[in-house]
């Protein structure tokens, strides 16, 4: 295992130009997903995040076959499918999860059919599904940076409205908020966050970037503002540590980043000051001791 200093030297090595790009993409996507994931966790829409991750696949496949931008191809497919689901879900005859199951699984199947016709698709399919730190084009890095900044700006502009819908849809509708438009906006944001993350983390594991850091932050604080700071901090830190461990130990980068984030979640689950398992046990013992004391005094 190499030391952190050696890792920094490798980052500065011009012969390893792909490594700093991979670090930038990993940290950028983790930070963006940490912020977007806060809304995903608040609304209990982890299944939607997973489904959108499948929906971007046909766009990635078409872009690969045409040798175009993977980010652009995935964005078009993911956003189009997300908009279709949001519209079809307005029909109350079908539950939203049923519509999601139909559209996103069909989109993933379409991606498999498209990419299977490309020469040498097996290796490319593995990169799509599990991520890769090599071969990320400079233009995709630039697009990801621009998209990430736009997403952060959009979430900042519509922060109050999105939170209101997340906490109580009916009250938000009664206040005159455009709930459908806000749903569409959030679906598009989730799709775009997934697209800029999928090259590094992989299509299969990208959901973890949306949910795990935000879930850990949810355990650590009851307030929304600190949660939105903790989520991207945990995500970005997990990306940095995960990429270092991946490079040092020759491990898959996407899986390593996810495992680091999961370790942070487990620590929060155990040690969170108010909602952790150990804190809960201490509080229960304290209440029991007070009951015993009151019983003895009476």
C-alpha atoms as a PDB file:
ATOM      1  CA  UNK A   1       0.000   0.000   0.000  1.00  0.00           C
ATOM      2  CA  UNK A   2       1.432   3.375  -0.976  1.00  0.00           C
ATOM      3  CA  UNK A   3       1.625   6.279   1.453  1.00  0.00           C
ATOM      4  CA  UNK A   4      -0.549   9.393   1.087  1.00  0.00           C
ATOM      5  CA  UNK A   5       2.569  11.342   0.074  1.00  0.00           C
ATOM      6  CA  UNK A   6       3.244   8.864  -2.738  1.00  0.00           C
ATOM      7  CA  UNK A   7      -0.386   9.225  -3.797  1.00  0.00           C
ATOM      8  CA  UNK A   8       0.056  12.998  -4.056  1.00  0.00           C
ATOM      9  CA  UNK A   9       3.193  12.446  -6.138  1.00  0.00           C
ATOM     10  CA  UNK A  10       1.213  10.186  -8.464  1.00  0.00           C
ATOM     11  CA  UNK A  11      -1.457  12.873  -8.790  1.00  0.00           C
ATOM     12  CA  UNK A  12       1.244  15.311  -9.921  1.00  0.00           C
ATOM     13  CA  UNK A  13       2.900  12.822 -12.279  1.00  0.00           C
ATOM     14  CA  UNK A  14       2.268  13.938 -15.896  1.00  0.00           C
ATOM     15  CA  UNK A  15       2.431  10.295 -17.031  1.00  0.00           C
ATOM     16  CA  UNK A  16      -0.653   9.615 -14.878  1.00  0.00           C
ATOM     17  CA  UNK A  17      -2.777  12.442 -16.219  1.00  0.00           C
ATOM     18  CA  UNK A  18      -5.932  10.358 -15.852  1.00  0.00           C
ATOM     19  CA  UNK A  19      -5.570  10.168 -12.055  1.00  0.00           C
ATOM     20  CA  UNK A  20      -6.230  13.848 -11.168  1.00  0.00           C
ATOM     21  CA  UNK A  21      -9.142  13.820 -13.631  1.00  0.00           C
ATOM     22  CA  UNK A  22     -10.534  10.762 -11.877  1.00  0.00           C
ATOM     23  CA  UNK A  23     -10.128  12.488  -8.496  1.00  0.00           C
ATOM     24  CA  UNK A  24     -11.886  15.612  -9.768  1.00  0.00           C
ATOM     25  CA  UNK A  25     -14.765  13.575 -11.216  1.00  0.00           C
ATOM     26  CA  UNK A  26     -15.098  11.425  -8.090  1.00  0.00           C
ATOM     27  CA  UNK A  27     -15.118  14.345  -5.657  1.00  0.00           C
ATOM     28  CA  UNK A  28     -17.347  16.498  -7.884  1.00  0.00           C
ATOM     29  CA  UNK A  29     -19.930  13.783  -8.397  1.00  0.00           C
ATOM     30  CA  UNK A  30     -19.887  12.840  -4.703  1.00  0.00           C
ATOM     31  CA  UNK A  31     -20.381  16.428  -3.560  1.00  0.00           C
ATOM     32  CA  UNK A  32     -23.215  17.058  -6.040  1.00  0.00           C
ATOM     33  CA  UNK A  33     -24.886  13.750  -5.175  1.00  0.00           C
ATOM     34  CA  UNK A  34     -24.496  14.568  -1.475  1.00  0.00           C
ATOM     35  CA  UNK A  35     -26.554  17.738  -1.916  1.00  0.00           C
ATOM     36  CA  UNK A  36     -29.118  16.190  -4.275  1.00  0.00           C
ATOM     37  CA  UNK A  37     -29.293  13.128  -2.035  1.00  0.00           C
ATOM     38  CA  UNK A  38     -30.549  15.262   0.832  1.00  0.00           C
ATOM     39  CA  UNK A  39     -33.795  15.783  -1.080  1.00  0.00           C
ATOM     40  CA  UNK A  40     -33.846  12.117  -2.105  1.00  0.00           C
ATOM     41  CA  UNK A  41     -33.624  11.013   1.542  1.00  0.00           C
ATOM     42  CA  UNK A  42     -36.111  13.620   2.777  1.00  0.00           C
ATOM     43  CA  UNK A  43     -38.696  12.508   0.203  1.00  0.00           C
ATOM     44  CA  UNK A  44     -38.033   8.799   0.615  1.00  0.00           C
ATOM     45  CA  UNK A  45     -37.362   8.470  -3.124  1.00  0.00           C
ATOM     46  CA  UNK A  46     -34.339   6.150  -3.080  1.00  0.00           C
ATOM     47  CA  UNK A  47     -36.193   3.820  -5.467  1.00  0.00           C
ATOM     48  CA  UNK A  48     -36.554   6.691  -7.926  1.00  0.00           C
ATOM     49  CA  UNK A  49     -32.823   7.363  -7.724  1.00  0.00           C
ATOM     50  CA  UNK A  50     -32.102   3.725  -8.469  1.00  0.00           C
ATOM     51  CA  UNK A  51     -34.527   3.775 -11.367  1.00  0.00           C
ATOM     52  CA  UNK A  52     -33.001   6.921 -12.881  1.00  0.00           C
ATOM     53  CA  UNK A  53     -29.591   5.248 -12.693  1.00  0.00           C
ATOM     54  CA  UNK A  54     -30.986   2.497 -14.924  1.00  0.00           C
ATOM     55  CA  UNK A  55     -32.690   4.992 -17.205  1.00  0.00           C
ATOM     56  CA  UNK A  56     -29.468   6.759 -18.237  1.00  0.00           C
ATOM     57  CA  UNK A  57     -28.059   3.513 -19.611  1.00  0.00           C
ATOM     58  CA  UNK A  58     -29.589   3.614 -23.126  1.00  0.00           C
ATOM     59  CA  UNK A  59     -28.236   7.127 -23.595  1.00  0.00           C
ATOM     60  CA  UNK A  60     -24.779   5.961 -22.564  1.00  0.00           C
ATOM     61  CA  UNK A  61     -25.055   3.043 -24.948  1.00  0.00           C
ATOM     62  CA  UNK A  62     -26.107   5.216 -27.909  1.00  0.00           C
ATOM     63  CA  UNK A  63     -23.323   7.717 -27.172  1.00  0.00           C
ATOM     64  CA  UNK A  64     -20.802   4.867 -27.026  1.00  0.00           C
ATOM     65  CA  UNK A  65     -21.953   3.382 -30.330  1.00  0.00           C
ATOM     66  CA  UNK A  66     -21.896   6.813 -32.015  1.00  0.00           C
ATOM     67  CA  UNK A  67     -18.643   7.767 -30.238  1.00  0.00           C
ATOM     68  CA  UNK A  68     -20.293  10.843 -28.777  1.00  0.00           C
ATOM     69  CA  UNK A  69     -20.319  12.385 -25.303  1.00  0.00           C
ATOM     70  CA  UNK A  70     -21.398   9.874 -22.657  1.00  0.00           C
ATOM     71  CA  UNK A  71     -22.481  12.675 -20.340  1.00  0.00           C
ATOM     72  CA  UNK A  72     -24.724  14.235 -22.974  1.00  0.00           C
ATOM     73  CA  UNK A  73     -26.190  10.894 -24.079  1.00  0.00           C
ATOM     74  CA  UNK A  74     -26.932   9.796 -20.527  1.00  0.00           C
ATOM     75  CA  UNK A  75     -28.459  13.162 -19.684  1.00  0.00           C
ATOM     76  CA  UNK A  76     -30.872  13.061 -22.615  1.00  0.00           C
ATOM     77  CA  UNK A  77     -32.014   9.513 -21.823  1.00  0.00           C
ATOM     78  CA  UNK A  78     -32.281   9.988 -18.063  1.00  0.00           C
ATOM     79  CA  UNK A  79     -34.080  13.314 -18.183  1.00  0.00           C
ATOM     80  CA  UNK A  80     -36.482  12.171 -20.911  1.00  0.00           C
ATOM     81  CA  UNK A  81     -37.439   9.047 -18.973  1.00  0.00           C
ATOM     82  CA  UNK A  82     -37.741  10.949 -15.705  1.00  0.00           C
ATOM     83  CA  UNK A  83     -40.116  13.459 -17.303  1.00  0.00           C
ATOM     84  CA  UNK A  84     -42.225  10.642 -18.752  1.00  0.00           C
ATOM     85  CA  UNK A  85     -42.515   9.004 -15.336  1.00  0.00           C
ATOM     86  CA  UNK A  86     -43.466  12.250 -13.634  1.00  0.00           C
ATOM     87  CA  UNK A  87     -46.207  12.839 -16.215  1.00  0.00           C
ATOM     88  CA  UNK A  88     -47.577   9.280 -16.234  1.00  0.00           C
ATOM     89  CA  UNK A  89     -47.535   9.192 -12.430  1.00  0.00           C
ATOM     90  CA  UNK A  90     -50.176  11.941 -12.367  1.00  0.00           C
ATOM     91  CA  UNK A  91     -52.695   9.247 -13.334  1.00  0.00           C
ATOM     92  CA  UNK A  92     -53.768   8.084  -9.890  1.00  0.00           C
ATOM     93  CA  UNK A  93     -55.002   4.768 -11.326  1.00  0.00           C
ATOM     94  CA  UNK A  94     -51.375   3.605 -11.169  1.00  0.00           C
ATOM     95  CA  UNK A  95     -49.019   4.125  -8.252  1.00  0.00           C
ATOM     96  CA  UNK A  96     -45.801   5.989  -8.965  1.00  0.00           C
ATOM     97  CA  UNK A  97     -43.604   2.984  -8.172  1.00  0.00           C
ATOM     98  CA  UNK A  98     -45.463   0.914 -10.795  1.00  0.00           C
ATOM     99  CA  UNK A  99     -44.833   3.540 -13.483  1.00  0.00           C
ATOM    100  CA  UNK A 100     -41.185   3.731 -12.428  1.00  0.00           C
ATOM    101  CA  UNK A 101     -40.823  -0.035 -12.638  1.00  0.00           C
ATOM    102  CA  UNK A 102     -42.186  -0.107 -16.191  1.00  0.00           C
ATOM    103  CA  UNK A 103     -40.212   2.785 -17.680  1.00  0.00           C
ATOM    104  CA  UNK A 104     -36.828   2.444 -16.042  1.00  0.00           C
ATOM    105  CA  UNK A 105     -36.458  -1.307 -16.433  1.00  0.00           C
ATOM    106  CA  UNK A 106     -37.486  -0.939 -20.075  1.00  0.00           C
ATOM    107  CA  UNK A 107     -34.876   1.806 -20.511  1.00  0.00           C
ATOM    108  CA  UNK A 108     -32.147  -0.383 -19.042  1.00  0.00           C
ATOM    109  CA  UNK A 109     -33.160  -3.277 -21.278  1.00  0.00           C
ATOM    110  CA  UNK A 110     -33.021  -0.956 -24.294  1.00  0.00           C
ATOM    111  CA  UNK A 111     -29.490   0.033 -23.326  1.00  0.00           C
ATOM    112  CA  UNK A 112     -28.412  -3.619 -23.145  1.00  0.00           C
ATOM    113  CA  UNK A 113     -29.866  -4.287 -26.614  1.00  0.00           C
ATOM    114  CA  UNK A 114     -28.168  -1.213 -28.115  1.00  0.00           C
ATOM    115  CA  UNK A 115     -24.712  -1.786 -26.685  1.00  0.00           C
ATOM    116  CA  UNK A 116     -24.721  -5.515 -27.445  1.00  0.00           C
ATOM    117  CA  UNK A 117     -24.483  -4.618 -31.136  1.00  0.00           C
ATOM    118  CA  UNK A 118     -21.252  -2.642 -30.687  1.00  0.00           C
ATOM    119  CA  UNK A 119     -17.859  -4.320 -31.281  1.00  0.00           C
ATOM    120  CA  UNK A 120     -16.048  -5.158 -28.054  1.00  0.00           C
ATOM    121  CA  UNK A 121     -19.055  -4.215 -25.988  1.00  0.00           C
ATOM    122  CA  UNK A 122     -18.235  -6.529 -23.065  1.00  0.00           C
ATOM    123  CA  UNK A 123     -15.425  -4.356 -21.707  1.00  0.00           C
ATOM    124  CA  UNK A 124     -17.385  -1.174 -22.235  1.00  0.00           C
ATOM    125  CA  UNK A 125     -20.405  -2.690 -20.521  1.00  0.00           C
ATOM    126  CA  UNK A 126     -18.262  -3.460 -17.483  1.00  0.00           C
ATOM    127  CA  UNK A 127     -17.026   0.140 -17.361  1.00  0.00           C
ATOM    128  CA  UNK A 128     -20.599   1.445 -17.604  1.00  0.00           C
ATOM    129  CA  UNK A 129     -21.854  -0.832 -14.850  1.00  0.00           C
ATOM    130  CA  UNK A 130     -18.964  -0.607 -12.390  1.00  0.00           C
ATOM    131  CA  UNK A 131     -17.074   2.571 -13.302  1.00  0.00           C
ATOM    132  CA  UNK A 132     -13.532   3.263 -14.465  1.00  0.00           C
ATOM    133  CA  UNK A 133     -10.901   5.866 -13.607  1.00  0.00           C
ATOM    134  CA  UNK A 134      -9.125   5.686 -16.956  1.00  0.00           C
ATOM    135  CA  UNK A 135     -10.140   7.130 -20.299  1.00  0.00           C
ATOM    136  CA  UNK A 136     -12.428   9.939 -19.079  1.00  0.00           C
ATOM    137  CA  UNK A 137     -12.304  12.519 -21.921  1.00  0.00           C
ATOM    138  CA  UNK A 138     -11.421  16.120 -21.081  1.00  0.00           C
ATOM    139  CA  UNK A 139     -14.677  17.340 -22.622  1.00  0.00           C
ATOM    140  CA  UNK A 140     -16.694  15.073 -20.313  1.00  0.00           C
ATOM    141  CA  UNK A 141     -14.824  16.485 -17.314  1.00  0.00           C
ATOM    142  CA  UNK A 142     -15.662  20.022 -18.448  1.00  0.00           C
ATOM    143  CA  UNK A 143     -19.318  19.126 -19.028  1.00  0.00           C
ATOM    144  CA  UNK A 144     -19.516  17.485 -15.600  1.00  0.00           C
ATOM    145  CA  UNK A 145     -18.071  20.566 -13.890  1.00  0.00           C
ATOM    146  CA  UNK A 146     -20.508  22.889 -15.667  1.00  0.00           C
ATOM    147  CA  UNK A 147     -23.497  20.612 -14.996  1.00  0.00           C
ATOM    148  CA  UNK A 148     -22.499  20.251 -11.350  1.00  0.00           C
ATOM    149  CA  UNK A 149     -22.332  24.023 -10.869  1.00  0.00           C
ATOM    150  CA  UNK A 150     -25.689  24.492 -12.612  1.00  0.00           C
ATOM    151  CA  UNK A 151     -27.317  21.841 -10.413  1.00  0.00           C
ATOM    152  CA  UNK A 152     -26.012  23.480  -7.244  1.00  0.00           C
ATOM    153  CA  UNK A 153     -27.318  26.854  -8.416  1.00  0.00           C
ATOM    154  CA  UNK A 154     -30.757  25.403  -9.253  1.00  0.00           C
ATOM    155  CA  UNK A 155     -31.040  23.683  -5.879  1.00  0.00           C
ATOM    156  CA  UNK A 156     -30.062  26.912  -4.135  1.00  0.00           C
ATOM    157  CA  UNK A 157     -32.664  28.931  -6.081  1.00  0.00           C
ATOM    158  CA  UNK A 158     -35.526  26.498  -5.416  1.00  0.00           C
ATOM    159  CA  UNK A 159     -34.407  25.311  -1.988  1.00  0.00           C
ATOM    160  CA  UNK A 160     -37.445  26.480   0.000  1.00  0.00           C
ATOM    161  CA  UNK A 161     -39.973  25.196  -2.536  1.00  0.00           C
ATOM    162  CA  UNK A 162     -38.346  21.761  -2.850  1.00  0.00           C
ATOM    163  CA  UNK A 163     -38.119  21.369   0.915  1.00  0.00           C
ATOM    164  CA  UNK A 164     -41.764  22.380   1.346  1.00  0.00           C
ATOM    165  CA  UNK A 165     -42.883  19.721  -1.160  1.00  0.00           C
ATOM    166  CA  UNK A 166     -40.587  17.130   0.424  1.00  0.00           C
ATOM    167  CA  UNK A 167     -41.968  17.688   3.913  1.00  0.00           C
ATOM    168  CA  UNK A 168     -45.704  17.965   3.094  1.00  0.00           C
ATOM    169  CA  UNK A 169     -46.993  17.778  -0.485  1.00  0.00           C
ATOM    170  CA  UNK A 170     -50.601  18.613   0.371  1.00  0.00           C
ATOM    171  CA  UNK A 171     -49.677  21.680   2.398  1.00  0.00           C
ATOM    172  CA  UNK A 172     -47.364  22.806  -0.396  1.00  0.00           C
ATOM    173  CA  UNK A 173     -50.199  22.409  -2.904  1.00  0.00           C
ATOM    174  CA  UNK A 174     -52.544  24.346  -0.615  1.00  0.00           C
ATOM    175  CA  UNK A 175     -49.993  27.161  -0.469  1.00  0.00           C
ATOM    176  CA  UNK A 176     -50.142  27.394  -4.251  1.00  0.00           C
ATOM    177  CA  UNK A 177     -46.764  25.839  -5.009  1.00  0.00           C
ATOM    178  CA  UNK A 178     -46.501  24.135  -8.440  1.00  0.00           C
ATOM    179  CA  UNK A 179     -45.973  20.620  -7.075  1.00  0.00           C
ATOM    180  CA  UNK A 180     -45.851  18.884 -10.478  1.00  0.00           C
ATOM    181  CA  UNK A 181     -43.260  21.323 -11.827  1.00  0.00           C
ATOM    182  CA  UNK A 182     -41.164  20.927  -8.692  1.00  0.00           C
ATOM    183  CA  UNK A 183     -41.408  17.137  -9.036  1.00  0.00           C
ATOM    184  CA  UNK A 184     -40.213  17.417 -12.640  1.00  0.00           C
ATOM    185  CA  UNK A 185     -37.381  19.703 -11.582  1.00  0.00           C
ATOM    186  CA  UNK A 186     -36.190  17.300  -8.882  1.00  0.00           C
ATOM    187  CA  UNK A 187     -36.371  14.322 -11.258  1.00  0.00           C
ATOM    188  CA  UNK A 188     -34.257  16.209 -13.788  1.00  0.00           C
ATOM    189  CA  UNK A 189     -31.744  17.195 -11.097  1.00  0.00           C
ATOM    190  CA  UNK A 190     -31.453  13.588  -9.882  1.00  0.00           C
ATOM    191  CA  UNK A 191     -30.966  12.367 -13.454  1.00  0.00           C
ATOM    192  CA  UNK A 192     -28.264  14.957 -14.161  1.00  0.00           C
ATOM    193  CA  UNK A 193     -26.426  14.188 -10.894  1.00  0.00           C
ATOM    194  CA  UNK A 194     -26.415  10.492 -11.752  1.00  0.00           C
ATOM    195  CA  UNK A 195     -25.115  11.132 -15.275  1.00  0.00           C
ATOM    196  CA  UNK A 196     -22.044  13.060 -14.125  1.00  0.00           C
ATOM    197  CA  UNK A 197     -21.314  10.327 -11.558  1.00  0.00           C
ATOM    198  CA  UNK A 198     -21.774   7.185 -13.605  1.00  0.00           C
ATOM    199  CA  UNK A 199     -18.405   7.190 -15.393  1.00  0.00           C
ATOM    200  CA  UNK A 200     -16.455   7.088 -12.143  1.00  0.00           C
ATOM    201  CA  UNK A 201     -18.738   5.151  -9.820  1.00  0.00           C
ATOM    202  CA  UNK A 202     -20.618   2.975 -12.309  1.00  0.00           C
ATOM    203  CA  UNK A 203     -24.275   2.554 -13.180  1.00  0.00           C
ATOM    204  CA  UNK A 204     -24.862  -0.165 -10.586  1.00  0.00           C
ATOM    205  CA  UNK A 205     -23.380   1.652  -7.574  1.00  0.00           C
ATOM    206  CA  UNK A 206     -24.282   5.268  -8.311  1.00  0.00           C
ATOM    207  CA  UNK A 207     -27.369   5.110  -6.068  1.00  0.00           C
ATOM    208  CA  UNK A 208     -25.030   4.816  -3.071  1.00  0.00           C
ATOM    209  CA  UNK A 209     -23.635   8.297  -3.763  1.00  0.00           C
ATOM    210  CA  UNK A 210     -27.159   9.721  -3.639  1.00  0.00           C
ATOM    211  CA  UNK A 211     -28.393   7.928  -0.543  1.00  0.00           C
ATOM    212  CA  UNK A 212     -25.528   6.868   1.755  1.00  0.00           C
ATOM    213  CA  UNK A 213     -23.862  10.244   2.554  1.00  0.00           C
ATOM    214  CA  UNK A 214     -27.237  11.958   2.960  1.00  0.00           C
ATOM    215  CA  UNK A 215     -28.530   9.124   5.165  1.00  0.00           C
ATOM    216  CA  UNK A 216     -25.431   9.372   7.361  1.00  0.00           C
ATOM    217  CA  UNK A 217     -25.930  13.136   7.621  1.00  0.00           C
ATOM    218  CA  UNK A 218     -29.577  12.556   8.556  1.00  0.00           C
ATOM    219  CA  UNK A 219     -28.435  10.462  11.516  1.00  0.00           C
ATOM    220  CA  UNK A 220     -25.984  13.118  12.672  1.00  0.00           C
ATOM    221  CA  UNK A 221     -28.286  16.140  12.700  1.00  0.00           C
ATOM    222  CA  UNK A 222     -31.966  17.083  12.926  1.00  0.00           C
ATOM    223  CA  UNK A 223     -31.492  20.391  11.095  1.00  0.00           C
ATOM    224  CA  UNK A 224     -31.711  20.688   7.328  1.00  0.00           C
ATOM    225  CA  UNK A 225     -28.908  23.205   6.740  1.00  0.00           C
ATOM    226  CA  UNK A 226     -26.233  21.154   8.564  1.00  0.00           C
ATOM    227  CA  UNK A 227     -27.524  18.043   6.818  1.00  0.00           C
ATOM    228  CA  UNK A 228     -26.979  19.672   3.429  1.00  0.00           C
ATOM    229  CA  UNK A 229     -23.422  20.535   4.458  1.00  0.00           C
ATOM    230  CA  UNK A 230     -22.638  17.162   6.003  1.00  0.00           C
ATOM    231  CA  UNK A 231     -23.983  15.149   3.034  1.00  0.00           C
ATOM    232  CA  UNK A 232     -21.570  16.529   0.409  1.00  0.00           C
ATOM    233  CA  UNK A 233     -18.727  16.618   2.957  1.00  0.00           C
ATOM    234  CA  UNK A 234     -19.162  12.913   3.675  1.00  0.00           C
ATOM    235  CA  UNK A 235     -19.543  12.190  -0.043  1.00  0.00           C
ATOM    236  CA  UNK A 236     -16.461  14.174  -1.068  1.00  0.00           C
ATOM    237  CA  UNK A 237     -14.361  12.721   1.746  1.00  0.00           C
ATOM    238  CA  UNK A 238     -15.465   9.194   0.819  1.00  0.00           C
ATOM    239  CA  UNK A 239     -14.481   9.825  -2.798  1.00  0.00           C
ATOM    240  CA  UNK A 240     -11.018  11.060  -1.813  1.00  0.00           C
ATOM    241  CA  UNK A 241     -10.323   8.206   0.600  1.00  0.00           C
ATOM    242  CA  UNK A 242     -11.919   5.650  -1.725  1.00  0.00           C
ATOM    243  CA  UNK A 243      -9.821   6.704  -4.713  1.00  0.00           C
ATOM    244  CA  UNK A 244      -6.660   6.627  -2.580  1.00  0.00           C
ATOM    245  CA  UNK A 245      -7.425   3.103  -1.342  1.00  0.00           C
ATOM    246  CA  UNK A 246      -8.421   1.991  -4.821  1.00  0.00           C
ATOM    247  CA  UNK A 247      -5.162   3.253  -6.335  1.00  0.00           C
ATOM    248  CA  UNK A 248      -3.053   1.908  -3.476  1.00  0.00           C
ATOM    249  CA  UNK A 249      -4.560  -1.570  -3.276  1.00  0.00           C
ATOM    250  CA  UNK A 250      -5.591  -2.016  -6.932  1.00  0.00           C
ATOM    251  CA  UNK A 251      -9.300  -2.210  -6.089  1.00  0.00           C
ATOM    252  CA  UNK A 252     -12.319  -1.185  -8.174  1.00  0.00           C
ATOM    253  CA  UNK A 253     -12.732   2.540  -7.657  1.00  0.00           C
ATOM    254  CA  UNK A 254     -16.542   2.636  -7.563  1.00  0.00           C
ATOM    255  CA  UNK A 255     -16.893  -0.198  -5.082  1.00  0.00           C
ATOM    256  CA  UNK A 256     -14.153   1.217  -2.840  1.00  0.00           C
ATOM    257  CA  UNK A 257     -15.765   4.674  -2.693  1.00  0.00           C
ATOM    258  CA  UNK A 258     -19.129   3.122  -1.833  1.00  0.00           C
ATOM    259  CA  UNK A 259     -17.603   0.952   0.912  1.00  0.00           C
ATOM    260  CA  UNK A 260     -15.914   3.980   2.494  1.00  0.00           C
ATOM    261  CA  UNK A 261     -19.210   5.884   2.462  1.00  0.00           C
ATOM    262  CA  UNK A 262     -20.964   2.851   3.948  1.00  0.00           C
ATOM    263  CA  UNK A 263     -18.370   2.672   6.731  1.00  0.00           C
ATOM    264  CA  UNK A 264     -19.108   6.320   7.577  1.00  0.00           C
ATOM    265  CA  UNK A 265     -22.845   5.545   7.616  1.00  0.00           C
ATOM    266  CA  UNK A 266     -22.314   2.607   9.983  1.00  0.00           C
ATOM    267  CA  UNK A 267     -20.226   4.778  12.316  1.00  0.00           C
ATOM    268  CA  UNK A 268     -22.987   7.395  12.303  1.00  0.00           C
ATOM    269  CA  UNK A 269     -25.578   4.686  12.954  1.00  0.00           C
ATOM    270  CA  UNK A 270     -23.603   3.549  15.991  1.00  0.00           C
ATOM    271  CA  UNK A 271     -22.170   6.786  17.358  1.00  0.00           C
ATOM    272  CA  UNK A 272     -24.518   9.619  16.322  1.00  0.00           C
ATOM    273  CA  UNK A 273     -25.010  11.788  19.432  1.00  0.00           C
ATOM    274  CA  UNK A 274     -28.826  11.690  19.444  1.00  0.00           C
ATOM    275  CA  UNK A 275     -29.925   8.995  17.003  1.00  0.00           C
ATOM    276  CA  UNK A 276     -27.082   6.472  17.216  1.00  0.00           C
ATOM    277  CA  UNK A 277     -27.564   3.000  18.638  1.00  0.00           C
ATOM    278  CA  UNK A 278     -25.168   3.626  21.536  1.00  0.00           C
ATOM    279  CA  UNK A 279     -26.693   7.001  22.361  1.00  0.00           C
ATOM    280  CA  UNK A 280     -30.144   5.415  22.346  1.00  0.00           C
ATOM    281  CA  UNK A 281     -28.981   2.702  24.728  1.00  0.00           C
ATOM    282  CA  UNK A 282     -27.513   5.299  27.102  1.00  0.00           C
ATOM    283  CA  UNK A 283     -30.742   7.325  27.029  1.00  0.00           C
ATOM    284  CA  UNK A 284     -32.834   4.231  27.741  1.00  0.00           C
ATOM    285  CA  UNK A 285     -30.628   3.309  30.694  1.00  0.00           C
ATOM    286  CA  UNK A 286     -30.901   6.858  32.015  1.00  0.00           C
ATOM    287  CA  UNK A 287     -34.712   6.813  31.796  1.00  0.00           C
ATOM    288  CA  UNK A 288     -34.831   3.408  33.461  1.00  0.00           C
ATOM    289  CA  UNK A 289     -32.557   4.588  36.274  1.00  0.00           C
ATOM    290  CA  UNK A 290     -34.753   7.647  36.850  1.00  0.00           C
ATOM    291  CA  UNK A 291     -37.880   5.468  36.984  1.00  0.00           C
ATOM    292  CA  UNK A 292     -36.246   3.183  39.521  1.00  0.00           C
ATOM    293  CA  UNK A 293     -35.162   6.191  41.582  1.00  0.00           C
ATOM    294  CA  UNK A 294     -38.686   7.661  41.557  1.00  0.00           C
ATOM    295  CA  UNK A 295     -40.173   4.286  42.502  1.00  0.00           C
ATOM    296  CA  UNK A 296     -37.756   3.932  45.408  1.00  0.00           C
ATOM    297  CA  UNK A 297     -38.436   7.450  46.617  1.00  0.00           C
ATOM    298  CA  UNK A 298     -42.188   6.833  46.630  1.00  0.00           C
END
